[in-house]
Amino acid sequence: DWLASWLAGWLAVWLAGWLFGWLAGWLADWLAGWLAGWLADWLAGWFAGWLVRIAGW
């Protein structure tokens, strides 16, 4: 009985840890990708505006 309950508890903890780790990793990847895309867009726009100002258009 104690073995079954211990095994069930261990499995629940392992599953929760795996799920949380996978979710956290996915969220971190998504956030990093979104942030990188936003930063690239902003930098490109800023650079283009700067170039236009330099060219005097």
C-alpha atoms as a PDB file:
ATOM      1  CA  ASP A   1       0.000   0.000   0.000  1.00  0.00           C
ATOM      2  CA  TRP A   2       2.704   2.464   0.953  1.00  0.00           C
ATOM      3  CA  LEU A   3       4.611   1.517  -2.175  1.00  0.00           C
ATOM      4  CA  ALA A   4       1.645   2.287  -4.402  1.00  0.00           C
ATOM      5  CA  SER A   5       0.988   5.614  -2.704  1.00  0.00           C
ATOM      6  CA  TRP A   6       4.681   6.515  -2.820  1.00  0.00           C
ATOM      7  CA  LEU A   7       4.843   5.600  -6.503  1.00  0.00           C
ATOM      8  CA  ALA A   8       1.709   7.612  -7.265  1.00  0.00           C
ATOM      9  CA  GLY A   9       3.083  10.609  -5.386  1.00  0.00           C
ATOM     10  CA  TRP A  10       6.447  10.382  -7.120  1.00  0.00           C
ATOM     11  CA  LEU A  11       4.741  10.085 -10.501  1.00  0.00           C
ATOM     12  CA  ALA A  12       2.520  13.089  -9.783  1.00  0.00           C
ATOM     13  CA  VAL A  13       5.499  15.199  -8.717  1.00  0.00           C
ATOM     14  CA  TRP A  14       7.550  14.119 -11.739  1.00  0.00           C
ATOM     15  CA  LEU A  15       4.660  14.804 -14.118  1.00  0.00           C
ATOM     16  CA  ALA A  16       3.984  18.214 -12.595  1.00  0.00           C
ATOM     17  CA  GLY A  17       7.680  19.096 -12.794  1.00  0.00           C
ATOM     18  CA  TRP A  18       7.944  17.969 -16.390  1.00  0.00           C
ATOM     19  CA  LEU A  19       4.792  19.843 -17.399  1.00  0.00           C
ATOM     20  CA  PHE A  20       5.864  23.002 -15.596  1.00  0.00           C
ATOM     21  CA  GLY A  21       9.349  22.815 -17.107  1.00  0.00           C
ATOM     22  CA  TRP A  22       7.965  22.297 -20.602  1.00  0.00           C
ATOM     23  CA  LEU A  23       5.489  25.155 -20.208  1.00  0.00           C
ATOM     24  CA  ALA A  24       8.108  27.491 -18.766  1.00  0.00           C
ATOM     25  CA  GLY A  25      10.510  26.643 -21.593  1.00  0.00           C
ATOM     26  CA  TRP A  26       7.853  27.190 -24.230  1.00  0.00           C
ATOM     27  CA  LEU A  27       6.821  30.490 -22.683  1.00  0.00           C
ATOM     28  CA  ALA A  28      10.419  31.661 -22.456  1.00  0.00           C
ATOM     29  CA  ASP A  29      11.027  30.736 -26.105  1.00  0.00           C
ATOM     30  CA  TRP A  30       7.872  32.520 -27.225  1.00  0.00           C
ATOM     31  CA  LEU A  31       8.629  35.622 -25.173  1.00  0.00           C
ATOM     32  CA  ALA A  32      12.211  35.759 -26.397  1.00  0.00           C
ATOM     33  CA  GLY A  33      11.081  35.388 -30.004  1.00  0.00           C
ATOM     34  CA  TRP A  34       8.390  38.036 -29.620  1.00  0.00           C
ATOM     35  CA  LEU A  35      10.776  40.424 -27.901  1.00  0.00           C
ATOM     36  CA  ALA A  36      13.462  39.868 -30.530  1.00  0.00           C
ATOM     37  CA  GLY A  37      10.950  40.476 -33.332  1.00  0.00           C
ATOM     38  CA  TRP A  38       9.621  43.623 -31.687  1.00  0.00           C
ATOM     39  CA  LEU A  39      13.126  44.929 -31.066  1.00  0.00           C
ATOM     40  CA  ALA A  40      14.164  44.206 -34.657  1.00  0.00           C
ATOM     41  CA  ASP A  41      11.081  46.014 -35.980  1.00  0.00           C
ATOM     42  CA  TRP A  42      11.680  49.003 -33.746  1.00  0.00           C
ATOM     43  CA  LEU A  43      15.380  49.179 -34.610  1.00  0.00           C
ATOM     44  CA  ALA A  44      14.664  48.914 -38.332  1.00  0.00           C
ATOM     45  CA  GLY A  45      12.099  51.694 -38.118  1.00  0.00           C
ATOM     46  CA  TRP A  46      14.406  53.904 -36.072  1.00  0.00           C
ATOM     47  CA  PHE A  47      17.291  53.285 -38.455  1.00  0.00           C
ATOM     48  CA  ALA A  48      15.120  54.005 -41.503  1.00  0.00           C
ATOM     49  CA  GLY A  49      13.890  57.245 -39.931  1.00  0.00           C
ATOM     50  CA  TRP A  50      17.445  58.241 -39.110  1.00  0.00           C
ATOM     51  CA  LEU A  51      18.562  57.521 -42.679  1.00  0.00           C
ATOM     52  CA  VAL A  52      15.684  59.594 -44.072  1.00  0.00           C
ATOM     53  CA  ARG A  53      16.634  62.494 -41.811  1.00  0.00           C
ATOM     54  CA  ILE A  54      20.291  62.256 -42.819  1.00  0.00           C
ATOM     55  CA  ALA A  55      19.366  62.173 -46.521  1.00  0.00           C
ATOM     56  CA  GLY A  56      17.155  65.211 -46.002  1.00  0.00           C
ATOM     57  CA  TRP A  57      13.977  63.680 -47.478  1.00  0.00           C
END
